[in-house]
Amino acid sequence: METLILLLSGAAGAAMIKLLDGLLQFALQRRAKRQDDGQARKTEMEKRIEAIADCMMVTMLDRIQYLSKCYIKDGCVDVEDLRRLHIMHEKYHAVGGNGDLDKLIAQVDELPYKI
């Protein structure tokens, strides 16, 4: 009888350990899945931010080109307009713009000031 009790208590102990192991594995897998989901969301968010930055860059490129061509066509530029144009050009470079507009800005810089 003692042997039977020892076997049953050992089996119960082993079953309890197996149950705890299963619960621990489940919790760890669930946590890892949540972290993976969070990483996927972060990647999606990074993609959206990059797309927004690209849109802003195209908009800034267009706006700077348009204004520069208008000033060149007019043959002069207001000091405040030139200041804003340089700020836009600086911000365009900050979001990843290349040197496409540098020559155009240089042409505007050579214009006489509007009085």
PDB file of N, CA and C in Angstrom:
ATOM      1  N   MET A   1       0.803  -1.191   0.000  1.00  0.00           N
ATOM      2  CA  MET A   1       0.000   0.000   0.000  1.00  0.00           C
ATOM      3  C   MET A   1       0.855   1.268   0.000  1.00  0.00           C
ATOM      4  N   GLU A   2       1.919   1.262   0.789  1.00  0.00           N
ATOM      5  CA  GLU A   2       2.805   2.427   0.800  1.00  0.00           C
ATOM      6  C   GLU A   2       3.425   2.653  -0.563  1.00  0.00           C
ATOM      7  N   THR A   3       3.757   1.578  -1.245  1.00  0.00           N
ATOM      8  CA  THR A   3       4.332   1.691  -2.574  1.00  0.00           C
ATOM      9  C   THR A   3       3.333   2.329  -3.528  1.00  0.00           C
ATOM     10  N   LEU A   4       2.085   1.926  -3.408  1.00  0.00           N
ATOM     11  CA  LEU A   4       1.040   2.497  -4.259  1.00  0.00           C
ATOM     12  C   LEU A   4       0.862   3.984  -3.975  1.00  0.00           C
ATOM     13  N   ILE A   5       0.877   4.369  -2.730  1.00  0.00           N
ATOM     14  CA  ILE A   5       0.756   5.788  -2.349  1.00  0.00           C
ATOM     15  C   ILE A   5       1.946   6.571  -2.865  1.00  0.00           C
ATOM     16  N   LEU A   6       3.144   5.998  -2.752  1.00  0.00           N
ATOM     17  CA  LEU A   6       4.339   6.670  -3.264  1.00  0.00           C
ATOM     18  C   LEU A   6       4.261   6.831  -4.785  1.00  0.00           C
ATOM     19  N   LEU A   7       3.796   5.800  -5.490  1.00  0.00           N
ATOM     20  CA  LEU A   7       3.662   5.885  -6.939  1.00  0.00           C
ATOM     21  C   LEU A   7       2.634   6.940  -7.345  1.00  0.00           C
ATOM     22  N   LEU A   8       1.491   6.918  -6.654  1.00  0.00           N
ATOM     23  CA  LEU A   8       0.444   7.893  -6.970  1.00  0.00           C
ATOM     24  C   LEU A   8       0.878   9.317  -6.666  1.00  0.00           C
ATOM     25  N   SER A   9       1.540   9.523  -5.528  1.00  0.00           N
ATOM     26  CA  SER A   9       1.988  10.880  -5.199  1.00  0.00           C
ATOM     27  C   SER A   9       3.091  11.320  -6.147  1.00  0.00           C
ATOM     28  N   GLY A  10       3.969  10.405  -6.563  1.00  0.00           N
ATOM     29  CA  GLY A  10       5.008  10.745  -7.542  1.00  0.00           C
ATOM     30  C   GLY A  10       4.390  11.093  -8.887  1.00  0.00           C
ATOM     31  N   ALA A  11       3.369  10.299  -9.290  1.00  0.00           N
ATOM     32  CA  ALA A  11       2.685  10.570 -10.554  1.00  0.00           C
ATOM     33  C   ALA A  11       1.941  11.896 -10.484  1.00  0.00           C
ATOM     34  N   ALA A  12       1.325  12.173  -9.351  1.00  0.00           N
ATOM     35  CA  ALA A  12       0.612  13.445  -9.180  1.00  0.00           C
ATOM     36  C   ALA A  12       1.604  14.613  -9.225  1.00  0.00           C
ATOM     37  N   GLY A  13       2.769  14.425  -8.592  1.00  0.00           N
ATOM     38  CA  GLY A  13       3.805  15.459  -8.609  1.00  0.00           C
ATOM     39  C   GLY A  13       4.312  15.714 -10.031  1.00  0.00           C
ATOM     40  N   ALA A  14       4.516  14.609 -10.770  1.00  0.00           N
ATOM     41  CA  ALA A  14       4.986  14.734 -12.150  1.00  0.00           C
ATOM     42  C   ALA A  14       3.932  15.426 -13.021  1.00  0.00           C
ATOM     43  N   ALA A  15       2.656  15.080 -12.803  1.00  0.00           N
ATOM     44  CA  ALA A  15       1.573  15.706 -13.560  1.00  0.00           C
ATOM     45  C   ALA A  15       1.495  17.193 -13.245  1.00  0.00           C
ATOM     46  N   MET A  16       1.700  17.532 -11.982  1.00  0.00           N
ATOM     47  CA  MET A  16       1.661  18.945 -11.562  1.00  0.00           C
ATOM     48  C   MET A  16       2.817  19.720 -12.208  1.00  0.00           C
ATOM     49  N   ILE A  17       3.986  19.105 -12.231  1.00  0.00           N
ATOM     50  CA  ILE A  17       5.143  19.753 -12.849  1.00  0.00           C
ATOM     51  C   ILE A  17       4.898  19.936 -14.351  1.00  0.00           C
ATOM     52  N   LYS A  18       4.342  18.910 -15.001  1.00  0.00           N
ATOM     53  CA  LYS A  18       4.040  18.987 -16.434  1.00  0.00           C
ATOM     54  C   LYS A  18       3.011  20.089 -16.711  1.00  0.00           C
ATOM     55  N   LEU A  19       1.999  20.189 -15.849  1.00  0.00           N
ATOM     56  CA  LEU A  19       0.991  21.240 -15.994  1.00  0.00           C
ATOM     57  C   LEU A  19       1.615  22.621 -15.853  1.00  0.00           C
ATOM     58  N   LEU A  20       2.469  22.815 -14.856  1.00  0.00           N
ATOM     59  CA  LEU A  20       3.144  24.104 -14.668  1.00  0.00           C
ATOM     60  C   LEU A  20       4.050  24.425 -15.860  1.00  0.00           C
ATOM     61  N   ASP A  21       4.741  23.390 -16.370  1.00  0.00           N
ATOM     62  CA  ASP A  21       5.591  23.589 -17.543  1.00  0.00           C
ATOM     63  C   ASP A  21       4.751  24.027 -18.745  1.00  0.00           C
ATOM     64  N   GLY A  22       3.615  23.387 -18.946  1.00  0.00           N
ATOM     65  CA  GLY A  22       2.723  23.756 -20.055  1.00  0.00           C
ATOM     66  C   GLY A  22       2.216  25.174 -19.929  1.00  0.00           C
ATOM     67  N   LEU A  23       1.824  25.572 -18.711  1.00  0.00           N
ATOM     68  CA  LEU A  23       1.357  26.941 -18.487  1.00  0.00           C
ATOM     69  C   LEU A  23       2.469  27.957 -18.733  1.00  0.00           C
ATOM     70  N   LEU A  24       3.663  27.619 -18.273  1.00  0.00           N
ATOM     71  CA  LEU A  24       4.795  28.523 -18.471  1.00  0.00           C
ATOM     72  C   LEU A  24       5.113  28.664 -19.958  1.00  0.00           C
ATOM     73  N   GLN A  25       5.125  27.565 -20.692  1.00  0.00           N
ATOM     74  CA  GLN A  25       5.389  27.609 -22.131  1.00  0.00           C
ATOM     75  C   GLN A  25       4.312  28.424 -22.857  1.00  0.00           C
ATOM     76  N   PHE A  26       3.049  28.242 -22.464  1.00  0.00           N
ATOM     77  CA  PHE A  26       1.950  28.986 -23.068  1.00  0.00           C
ATOM     78  C   PHE A  26       2.135  30.493 -22.840  1.00  0.00           C
ATOM     79  N   ALA A  27       2.471  30.855 -21.594  1.00  0.00           N
ATOM     80  CA  ALA A  27       2.658  32.269 -21.265  1.00  0.00           C
ATOM     81  C   ALA A  27       3.824  32.867 -22.049  1.00  0.00           C
ATOM     82  N   LEU A  28       4.908  32.118 -22.157  1.00  0.00           N
ATOM     83  CA  LEU A  28       6.066  32.618 -22.900  1.00  0.00           C
ATOM     84  C   LEU A  28       5.763  32.774 -24.383  1.00  0.00           C
ATOM     85  N   GLN A  29       5.044  31.825 -24.965  1.00  0.00           N
ATOM     86  CA  GLN A  29       4.689  31.915 -26.377  1.00  0.00           C
ATOM     87  C   GLN A  29       3.736  33.078 -26.637  1.00  0.00           C
ATOM     88  N   ARG A  30       2.801  33.270 -25.716  1.00  0.00           N
ATOM     89  CA  ARG A  30       1.850  34.383 -25.864  1.00  0.00           C
ATOM     90  C   ARG A  30       2.581  35.724 -25.795  1.00  0.00           C
ATOM     91  N   ARG A  31       3.514  35.819 -24.857  1.00  0.00           N
ATOM     92  CA  ARG A  31       4.294  37.055 -24.724  1.00  0.00           C
ATOM     93  C   ARG A  31       5.123  37.316 -25.979  1.00  0.00           C
ATOM     94  N   ALA A  32       5.761  36.256 -26.510  1.00  0.00           N
ATOM     95  CA  ALA A  32       6.565  36.405 -27.720  1.00  0.00           C
ATOM     96  C   ALA A  32       5.692  36.830 -28.900  1.00  0.00           C
ATOM     97  N   LYS A  33       4.481  36.302 -28.997  1.00  0.00           N
ATOM     98  CA  LYS A  33       3.572  36.668 -30.096  1.00  0.00           C
ATOM     99  C   LYS A  33       3.172  38.138 -29.992  1.00  0.00           C
ATOM    100  N   ARG A  34       2.885  38.585 -28.767  1.00  0.00           N
ATOM    101  CA  ARG A  34       2.535  39.995 -28.593  1.00  0.00           C
ATOM    102  C   ARG A  34       3.691  40.910 -28.977  1.00  0.00           C
ATOM    103  N   GLN A  35       4.909  40.501 -28.630  1.00  0.00           N
ATOM    104  CA  GLN A  35       6.068  41.310 -29.001  1.00  0.00           C
ATOM    105  C   GLN A  35       6.244  41.331 -30.509  1.00  0.00           C
ATOM    106  N   ASP A  36       6.021  40.190 -31.169  1.00  0.00           N
ATOM    107  CA  ASP A  36       6.101  40.137 -32.631  1.00  0.00           C
ATOM    108  C   ASP A  36       5.038  41.020 -33.265  1.00  0.00           C
ATOM    109  N   ASP A  37       3.813  40.985 -32.722  1.00  0.00           N
ATOM    110  CA  ASP A  37       2.740  41.839 -33.238  1.00  0.00           C
ATOM    111  C   ASP A  37       3.091  43.305 -33.065  1.00  0.00           C
ATOM    112  N   GLY A  38       3.662  43.639 -31.913  1.00  0.00           N
ATOM    113  CA  GLY A  38       4.071  45.020 -31.663  1.00  0.00           C
ATOM    114  C   GLY A  38       5.148  45.459 -32.631  1.00  0.00           C
ATOM    115  N   GLN A  39       6.076  44.557 -32.935  1.00  0.00           N
ATOM    116  CA  GLN A  39       7.134  44.871 -33.888  1.00  0.00           C
ATOM    117  C   GLN A  39       6.548  45.075 -35.275  1.00  0.00           C
ATOM    118  N   ALA A  40       5.572  44.253 -35.650  1.00  0.00           N
ATOM    119  CA  ALA A  40       4.934  44.405 -36.962  1.00  0.00           C
ATOM    120  C   ALA A  40       4.206  45.740 -37.043  1.00  0.00           C
ATOM    121  N   ARG A  41       3.513  46.124 -35.964  1.00  0.00           N
ATOM    122  CA  ARG A  41       2.822  47.416 -35.952  1.00  0.00           C
ATOM    123  C   ARG A  41       3.817  48.559 -36.045  1.00  0.00           C
ATOM    124  N   LYS A  42       4.925  48.414 -35.340  1.00  0.00           N
ATOM    125  CA  LYS A  42       5.938  49.455 -35.389  1.00  0.00           C
ATOM    126  C   LYS A  42       6.480  49.584 -36.813  1.00  0.00           C
ATOM    127  N   THR A  43       6.702  48.472 -37.461  1.00  0.00           N
ATOM    128  CA  THR A  43       7.184  48.507 -38.832  1.00  0.00           C
ATOM    129  C   THR A  43       6.153  49.175 -39.742  1.00  0.00           C
ATOM    130  N   GLU A  44       4.862  48.869 -39.549  1.00  0.00           N
ATOM    131  CA  GLU A  44       3.804  49.517 -40.327  1.00  0.00           C
ATOM    132  C   GLU A  44       3.822  51.021 -40.085  1.00  0.00           C
ATOM    133  N   MET A  45       3.977  51.414 -38.819  1.00  0.00           N
ATOM    134  CA  MET A  45       4.001  52.835 -38.475  1.00  0.00           C
ATOM    135  C   MET A  45       5.212  53.504 -39.110  1.00  0.00           C
ATOM    136  N   GLU A  46       6.356  52.846 -39.097  1.00  0.00           N
ATOM    137  CA  GLU A  46       7.545  53.410 -39.727  1.00  0.00           C
ATOM    138  C   GLU A  46       7.338  53.584 -41.228  1.00  0.00           C
ATOM    139  N   LYS A  47       6.660  52.631 -41.846  1.00  0.00           N
ATOM    140  CA  LYS A  47       6.367  52.737 -43.281  1.00  0.00           C
ATOM    141  C   LYS A  47       5.471  53.931 -43.568  1.00  0.00           C
ATOM    142  N   ARG A  48       4.469  54.144 -42.711  1.00  0.00           N
ATOM    143  CA  ARG A  48       3.563  55.286 -42.915  1.00  0.00           C
ATOM    144  C   ARG A  48       4.300  56.602 -42.737  1.00  0.00           C
ATOM    145  N   ILE A  49       5.147  56.669 -41.725  1.00  0.00           N
ATOM    146  CA  ILE A  49       5.912  57.900 -41.479  1.00  0.00           C
ATOM    147  C   ILE A  49       6.823  58.185 -42.659  1.00  0.00           C
ATOM    148  N   GLU A  50       7.457  57.145 -43.187  1.00  0.00           N
ATOM    149  CA  GLU A  50       8.329  57.316 -44.348  1.00  0.00           C
ATOM    150  C   GLU A  50       7.533  57.795 -45.562  1.00  0.00           C
ATOM    151  N   ALA A  51       6.340  57.250 -45.749  1.00  0.00           N
ATOM    152  CA  ALA A  51       5.498  57.669 -46.869  1.00  0.00           C
ATOM    153  C   ALA A  51       5.072  59.129 -46.711  1.00  0.00           C
ATOM    154  N   ILE A  52       4.744  59.533 -45.493  1.00  0.00           N
ATOM    155  CA  ILE A  52       4.363  60.924 -45.235  1.00  0.00           C
ATOM    156  C   ILE A  52       5.548  61.851 -45.505  1.00  0.00           C
ATOM    157  N   ALA A  53       6.740  61.447 -45.083  1.00  0.00           N
ATOM    158  CA  ALA A  53       7.938  62.255 -45.338  1.00  0.00           C
ATOM    159  C   ALA A  53       8.179  62.379 -46.836  1.00  0.00           C
ATOM    160  N   ASP A  54       7.964  61.297 -47.572  1.00  0.00           N
ATOM    161  CA  ASP A  54       8.123  61.348 -49.027  1.00  0.00           C
ATOM    162  C   ASP A  54       7.124  62.320 -49.651  1.00  0.00           C
ATOM    163  N   CYS A  55       5.882  62.274 -49.187  1.00  0.00           N
ATOM    164  CA  CYS A  55       4.858  63.202 -49.694  1.00  0.00           C
ATOM    165  C   CYS A  55       5.236  64.648 -49.406  1.00  0.00           C
ATOM    166  N   MET A  56       5.716  64.885 -48.205  1.00  0.00           N
ATOM    167  CA  MET A  56       6.123  66.243 -47.840  1.00  0.00           C
ATOM    168  C   MET A  56       7.279  66.714 -48.719  1.00  0.00           C
ATOM    169  N   MET A  57       8.197  65.803 -49.000  1.00  0.00           N
ATOM    170  CA  MET A  57       9.339  66.163 -49.817  1.00  0.00           C
ATOM    171  C   MET A  57       8.903  66.556 -51.229  1.00  0.00           C
ATOM    172  N   VAL A  58       7.986  65.793 -51.804  1.00  0.00           N
ATOM    173  CA  VAL A  58       7.491  66.097 -53.147  1.00  0.00           C
ATOM    174  C   VAL A  58       6.748  67.435 -53.142  1.00  0.00           C
ATOM    175  N   THR A  59       5.950  67.666 -52.106  1.00  0.00           N
ATOM    176  CA  THR A  59       5.211  68.926 -51.996  1.00  0.00           C
ATOM    177  C   THR A  59       6.171  70.106 -51.860  1.00  0.00           C
ATOM    178  N   MET A  60       7.179  69.948 -51.026  1.00  0.00           N
ATOM    179  CA  MET A  60       8.160  71.024 -50.843  1.00  0.00           C
ATOM    180  C   MET A  60       8.928  71.275 -52.139  1.00  0.00           C
ATOM    181  N   LEU A  61       9.306  70.199 -52.816  1.00  0.00           N
ATOM    182  CA  LEU A  61      10.014  70.338 -54.095  1.00  0.00           C
ATOM    183  C   LEU A  61       9.175  71.160 -55.073  1.00  0.00           C
ATOM    184  N   ASP A  62       7.911  70.787 -55.194  1.00  0.00           N
ATOM    185  CA  ASP A  62       7.021  71.487 -56.113  1.00  0.00           C
ATOM    186  C   ASP A  62       6.862  72.957 -55.721  1.00  0.00           C
ATOM    187  N   ARG A  63       6.641  73.203 -54.447  1.00  0.00           N
ATOM    188  CA  ARG A  63       6.406  74.578 -53.983  1.00  0.00           C
ATOM    189  C   ARG A  63       7.637  75.461 -54.184  1.00  0.00           C
ATOM    190  N   ILE A  64       8.803  74.925 -53.848  1.00  0.00           N
ATOM    191  CA  ILE A  64      10.032  75.711 -53.998  1.00  0.00           C
ATOM    192  C   ILE A  64      10.306  75.992 -55.472  1.00  0.00           C
ATOM    193  N   GLN A  65      10.096  74.997 -56.316  1.00  0.00           N
ATOM    194  CA  GLN A  65      10.290  75.209 -57.756  1.00  0.00           C
ATOM    195  C   GLN A  65       9.324  76.263 -58.287  1.00  0.00           C
ATOM    196  N   TYR A  66       8.069  76.143 -57.900  1.00  0.00           N
ATOM    197  CA  TYR A  66       7.056  77.085 -58.384  1.00  0.00           C
ATOM    198  C   TYR A  66       7.396  78.519 -57.967  1.00  0.00           C
ATOM    199  N   LEU A  67       7.675  78.713 -56.677  1.00  0.00           N
ATOM    200  CA  LEU A  67       7.983  80.064 -56.198  1.00  0.00           C
ATOM    201  C   LEU A  67       9.244  80.610 -56.850  1.00  0.00           C
ATOM    202  N   SER A  68      10.266  79.772 -56.956  1.00  0.00           N
ATOM    203  CA  SER A  68      11.520  80.226 -57.564  1.00  0.00           C
ATOM    204  C   SER A  68      11.294  80.673 -59.005  1.00  0.00           C
ATOM    205  N   LYS A  69      10.532  79.907 -59.753  1.00  0.00           N
ATOM    206  CA  LYS A  69      10.259  80.263 -61.151  1.00  0.00           C
ATOM    207  C   LYS A  69       9.444  81.549 -61.245  1.00  0.00           C
ATOM    208  N   CYS A  70       8.516  81.741 -60.297  1.00  0.00           N
ATOM    209  CA  CYS A  70       7.732  82.990 -60.278  1.00  0.00           C
ATOM    210  C   CYS A  70       8.633  84.192 -60.014  1.00  0.00           C
ATOM    211  N   TYR A  71       9.550  84.065 -59.049  1.00  0.00           N
ATOM    212  CA  TYR A  71      10.454  85.173 -58.732  1.00  0.00           C
ATOM    213  C   TYR A  71      11.372  85.470 -59.914  1.00  0.00           C
ATOM    214  N   ILE A  72      11.874  84.420 -60.553  1.00  0.00           N
ATOM    215  CA  ILE A  72      12.757  84.604 -61.709  1.00  0.00           C
ATOM    216  C   ILE A  72      11.988  85.277 -62.843  1.00  0.00           C
ATOM    217  N   LYS A  73      10.743  84.862 -63.052  1.00  0.00           N
ATOM    218  CA  LYS A  73       9.907  85.469 -64.097  1.00  0.00           C
ATOM    219  C   LYS A  73       9.647  86.946 -63.791  1.00  0.00           C
ATOM    220  N   ASP A  74       9.397  87.265 -62.494  1.00  0.00           N
ATOM    221  CA  ASP A  74       9.160  88.657 -62.095  1.00  0.00           C
ATOM    222  C   ASP A  74      10.430  89.499 -62.199  1.00  0.00           C
ATOM    223  N   GLY A  75      11.580  88.861 -62.086  1.00  0.00           N
ATOM    224  CA  GLY A  75      12.850  89.587 -62.183  1.00  0.00           C
ATOM    225  C   GLY A  75      13.312  90.198 -60.880  1.00  0.00           C
ATOM    226  N   CYS A  76      12.582  89.968 -59.793  1.00  0.00           N
ATOM    227  CA  CYS A  76      12.983  90.464 -58.480  1.00  0.00           C
ATOM    228  C   CYS A  76      12.307  89.628 -57.403  1.00  0.00           C
ATOM    229  N   VAL A  77      12.789  89.798 -56.163  1.00  0.00           N
ATOM    230  CA  VAL A  77      12.240  89.019 -55.053  1.00  0.00           C
ATOM    231  C   VAL A  77      12.182  89.886 -53.803  1.00  0.00           C
ATOM    232  N   ASP A  78      11.125  89.735 -53.054  1.00  0.00           N
ATOM    233  CA  ASP A  78      10.977  90.426 -51.781  1.00  0.00           C
ATOM    234  C   ASP A  78      11.906  89.754 -50.754  1.00  0.00           C
ATOM    235  N   VAL A  79      12.473  90.544 -49.859  1.00  0.00           N
ATOM    236  CA  VAL A  79      13.419  90.012 -48.866  1.00  0.00           C
ATOM    237  C   VAL A  79      12.752  88.955 -47.993  1.00  0.00           C
ATOM    238  N   GLU A  80      11.537  89.203 -47.550  1.00  0.00           N
ATOM    239  CA  GLU A  80      10.820  88.230 -46.707  1.00  0.00           C
ATOM    240  C   GLU A  80      10.500  86.953 -47.476  1.00  0.00           C
ATOM    241  N   ASP A  81      10.145  87.105 -48.744  1.00  0.00           N
ATOM    242  CA  ASP A  81       9.877  85.918 -49.572  1.00  0.00           C
ATOM    243  C   ASP A  81      11.142  85.088 -49.750  1.00  0.00           C
ATOM    244  N   LEU A  82      12.257  85.768 -49.947  1.00  0.00           N
ATOM    245  CA  LEU A  82      13.537  85.069 -50.097  1.00  0.00           C
ATOM    246  C   LEU A  82      13.903  84.332 -48.808  1.00  0.00           C
ATOM    247  N   ARG A  83      13.648  84.982 -47.679  1.00  0.00           N
ATOM    248  CA  ARG A  83      13.934  84.345 -46.379  1.00  0.00           C
ATOM    249  C   ARG A  83      13.098  83.076 -46.212  1.00  0.00           C
ATOM    250  N   ARG A  84      11.798  83.165 -46.524  1.00  0.00           N
ATOM    251  CA  ARG A  84      10.923  81.986 -46.416  1.00  0.00           C
ATOM    252  C   ARG A  84      11.333  80.895 -47.397  1.00  0.00           C
ATOM    253  N   LEU A  85      11.755  81.304 -48.585  1.00  0.00           N
ATOM    254  CA  LEU A  85      12.198  80.332 -49.580  1.00  0.00           C
ATOM    255  C   LEU A  85      13.429  79.566 -49.074  1.00  0.00           C
ATOM    256  N   HIS A  86      14.337  80.278 -48.442  1.00  0.00           N
ATOM    257  CA  HIS A  86      15.531  79.617 -47.888  1.00  0.00           C
ATOM    258  C   HIS A  86      15.168  78.683 -46.723  1.00  0.00           C
ATOM    259  N   ILE A  87      14.211  79.067 -45.924  1.00  0.00           N
ATOM    260  CA  ILE A  87      13.769  78.196 -44.829  1.00  0.00           C
ATOM    261  C   ILE A  87      13.139  76.922 -45.394  1.00  0.00           C
ATOM    262  N   MET A  88      12.308  77.077 -46.419  1.00  0.00           N
ATOM    263  CA  MET A  88      11.693  75.899 -47.048  1.00  0.00           C
ATOM    264  C   MET A  88      12.766  74.999 -47.663  1.00  0.00           C
ATOM    265  N   HIS A  89      13.749  75.604 -48.290  1.00  0.00           N
ATOM    266  CA  HIS A  89      14.832  74.840 -48.910  1.00  0.00           C
ATOM    267  C   HIS A  89      15.630  74.078 -47.844  1.00  0.00           C
ATOM    268  N   GLU A  90      15.873  74.731 -46.730  1.00  0.00           N
ATOM    269  CA  GLU A  90      16.589  74.092 -45.617  1.00  0.00           C
ATOM    270  C   GLU A  90      15.794  72.903 -45.072  1.00  0.00           C
ATOM    271  N   LYS A  91      14.488  73.080 -44.902  1.00  0.00           N
ATOM    272  CA  LYS A  91      13.632  71.995 -44.394  1.00  0.00           C
ATOM    273  C   LYS A  91      13.516  70.863 -45.413  1.00  0.00           C
ATOM    274  N   TYR A  92      13.530  71.222 -46.676  1.00  0.00           N
ATOM    275  CA  TYR A  92      13.505  70.218 -47.746  1.00  0.00           C
ATOM    276  C   TYR A  92      14.732  69.310 -47.636  1.00  0.00           C
ATOM    277  N   HIS A  93      15.882  69.914 -47.396  1.00  0.00           N
ATOM    278  CA  HIS A  93      17.099  69.118 -47.208  1.00  0.00           C
ATOM    279  C   HIS A  93      17.010  68.276 -45.936  1.00  0.00           C
ATOM    280  N   ALA A  94      16.382  68.810 -44.892  1.00  0.00           N
ATOM    281  CA  ALA A  94      16.284  68.091 -43.612  1.00  0.00           C
ATOM    282  C   ALA A  94      15.463  66.808 -43.719  1.00  0.00           C
ATOM    283  N   VAL A  95      14.468  66.779 -44.603  1.00  0.00           N
ATOM    284  CA  VAL A  95      13.655  65.563 -44.758  1.00  0.00           C
ATOM    285  C   VAL A  95      14.202  64.645 -45.845  1.00  0.00           C
ATOM    286  N   GLY A  96      15.411  64.946 -46.332  1.00  0.00           N
ATOM    287  CA  GLY A  96      16.046  64.033 -47.275  1.00  0.00           C
ATOM    288  C   GLY A  96      16.160  64.540 -48.691  1.00  0.00           C
ATOM    289  N   GLY A  97      15.824  65.785 -48.917  1.00  0.00           N
ATOM    290  CA  GLY A  97      15.929  66.322 -50.268  1.00  0.00           C
ATOM    291  C   GLY A  97      17.379  66.386 -50.724  1.00  0.00           C
ATOM    292  N   ASN A  98      17.584  66.152 -51.998  1.00  0.00           N
ATOM    293  CA  ASN A  98      18.940  66.212 -52.550  1.00  0.00           C
ATOM    294  C   ASN A  98      19.226  67.620 -53.042  1.00  0.00           C
ATOM    295  N   GLY A  99      20.229  67.792 -53.855  1.00  0.00           N
ATOM    296  CA  GLY A  99      20.634  69.121 -54.289  1.00  0.00           C
ATOM    297  C   GLY A  99      19.975  69.607 -55.561  1.00  0.00           C
ATOM    298  N   ASP A 100      18.831  69.033 -55.928  1.00  0.00           N
ATOM    299  CA  ASP A 100      18.158  69.407 -57.177  1.00  0.00           C
ATOM    300  C   ASP A 100      17.800  70.884 -57.236  1.00  0.00           C
ATOM    301  N   LEU A 101      17.493  71.467 -56.123  1.00  0.00           N
ATOM    302  CA  LEU A 101      17.011  72.851 -56.113  1.00  0.00           C
ATOM    303  C   LEU A 101      18.115  73.877 -55.891  1.00  0.00           C
ATOM    304  N   ASP A 102      19.330  73.431 -55.600  1.00  0.00           N
ATOM    305  CA  ASP A 102      20.406  74.361 -55.261  1.00  0.00           C
ATOM    306  C   ASP A 102      20.667  75.384 -56.365  1.00  0.00           C
ATOM    307  N   LYS A 103      20.677  74.941 -57.611  1.00  0.00           N
ATOM    308  CA  LYS A 103      20.948  75.865 -58.731  1.00  0.00           C
ATOM    309  C   LYS A 103      19.809  76.867 -58.893  1.00  0.00           C
ATOM    310  N   LEU A 104      18.584  76.391 -58.711  1.00  0.00           N
ATOM    311  CA  LEU A 104      17.426  77.276 -58.830  1.00  0.00           C
ATOM    312  C   LEU A 104      17.437  78.330 -57.726  1.00  0.00           C
ATOM    313  N   ILE A 105      17.757  77.914 -56.512  1.00  0.00           N
ATOM    314  CA  ILE A 105      17.837  78.853 -55.379  1.00  0.00           C
ATOM    315  C   ILE A 105      18.960  79.859 -55.630  1.00  0.00           C
ATOM    316  N   ALA A 106      20.064  79.410 -56.189  1.00  0.00           N
ATOM    317  CA  ALA A 106      21.177  80.313 -56.489  1.00  0.00           C
ATOM    318  C   ALA A 106      20.748  81.380 -57.500  1.00  0.00           C
ATOM    319  N   GLN A 107      19.917  81.009 -58.467  1.00  0.00           N
ATOM    320  CA  GLN A 107      19.415  81.980 -59.441  1.00  0.00           C
ATOM    321  C   GLN A 107      18.522  83.022 -58.762  1.00  0.00           C
ATOM    322  N   VAL A 108      17.692  82.559 -57.827  1.00  0.00           N
ATOM    323  CA  VAL A 108      16.826  83.493 -57.094  1.00  0.00           C
ATOM    324  C   VAL A 108      17.674  84.430 -56.224  1.00  0.00           C
ATOM    325  N   ASP A 109      18.742  83.899 -55.634  1.00  0.00           N
ATOM    326  CA  ASP A 109      19.622  84.720 -54.792  1.00  0.00           C
ATOM    327  C   ASP A 109      20.260  85.859 -55.574  1.00  0.00           C
ATOM    328  N   GLU A 110      20.441  85.670 -56.880  1.00  0.00           N
ATOM    329  CA  GLU A 110      21.084  86.705 -57.700  1.00  0.00           C
ATOM    330  C   GLU A 110      20.110  87.814 -58.117  1.00  0.00           C
ATOM    331  N   LEU A 111      18.808  87.598 -57.882  1.00  0.00           N
ATOM    332  CA  LEU A 111      17.808  88.599 -58.289  1.00  0.00           C
ATOM    333  C   LEU A 111      17.895  89.842 -57.412  1.00  0.00           C
ATOM    334  N   PRO A 112      17.540  90.987 -57.972  1.00  0.00           N
ATOM    335  CA  PRO A 112      17.489  92.207 -57.145  1.00  0.00           C
ATOM    336  C   PRO A 112      16.288  92.129 -56.197  1.00  0.00           C
ATOM    337  N   TYR A 113      16.413  92.861 -55.093  1.00  0.00           N
ATOM    338  CA  TYR A 113      15.329  92.876 -54.109  1.00  0.00           C
ATOM    339  C   TYR A 113      14.211  93.799 -54.565  1.00  0.00           C
ATOM    340  N   LYS A 114      12.974  93.361 -54.281  1.00  0.00           N
ATOM    341  CA  LYS A 114      11.799  94.176 -54.587  1.00  0.00           C
ATOM    342  C   LYS A 114      11.678  95.245 -53.502  1.00  0.00           C
ATOM    343  N   ILE A 115      11.403  96.445 -53.936  1.00  0.00           N
ATOM    344  CA  ILE A 115      11.280  97.549 -52.974  1.00  0.00           C
ATOM    345  C   ILE A 115       9.841  97.977 -52.849  1.00  0.00           C
TER     346      ILE A 115
END
